Amino acid sequence: MSGHDELSERQRSLMTFIEEYFDVNGRPPTNREIGNGLGIPSTGHVDYHLKALEKKGFISRAQRTSRGIRVLTSLRATLDEAVTALQGVPIMGTIAAGAPWEVTNTPDDVLDVNPQTFGARAFALRVKGKSMIEDGILDGDYVIIDPFEGQPKMRDIIVATNTAAGEHGAATLKRFFKEDKRIRLQPANSEMDPIFVSARDWDRHWQVQGRLAAVIRMYDAN
C-alpha cells in the first residue's frame, strides 16, 4: 500500500494545498492560510490533520514558527507513481448518482482518452444510479472530473464527499446550490429528493473534489 492510500480526503486536500502554496509563494503556508484556503474555520481542526500528516511521514513541522511546515513526501509524486504506466485518465472508482457511495483513493483502471484534453489532475469515475438522468448522465457512464479547491459556482455539477462517512468518505454527483444557511445537492431526476446539508456540516464534513468536465458513454451493441 502506498502512502497515498493512507490519507483521508481532507488530508489529501491539505497536502495538495501545501504543495501548491509553496510552488506559488516559495514558502509554506500558516495554519490560518490553510484553513482560509480550504474553508476550514478552525485552526485547531487544521492542526489535527497536520499532526496526522506528520505522523504518516508526509511533513515535518518546526516548533514555535508559523511557517514551519516541510514536505517530506510529495503527494504529487505518489500520485505520479500510481499512474506512471497508464495512458489516459485514471478511473478512481464509482460515483453515486443517487445515495452517496464510498470512494477509493487509488486508480483501478484507466479511461482511454487523451489526458491533455482535461489537464494532468483530471480523473474519471463510473456512474452508478439514475439521479442525474435529466442532465444526460446515465447509469454506467463515465464522468471526467476537473479537480479544484474552494467553493463551486451555483448550478455546477460537482463531486461532493462526506468525509464523515465510511473509511474514505462517501461521494455523490449532484448540482450545487447555496441557499440560506444550507447547501442543496440537487439530483436531475424529478422522482428523487435533494440532499440538504447545513452550512455548519458542509464546512466541517464535506469536501468538493471537482466539477464535471465531460461525460463518456461506451456503446454496447448487445
Foldseek 3Di string as FASTA:
>chain_A
DDLLQVDAPVLVLLLVVQVVCCVVPVFGAFLVVSCVQFLAPDSVVSVVSVVVCVVSPQWDADPPDRRGIDGRDRPVVVQCVLCVVPAAAFEFEAAELAPFADTGRGGPHHDPDHCVVQDPPKHKHQYADDQAVLVVAHHGKIWIFRFDHDDDDAQFFFWKFQSVDDPRTTIHTFGWDDDVQWIWGHTSDPVDGIDIGGPVSCSVGMGTGGTTDDIGDDDDPD
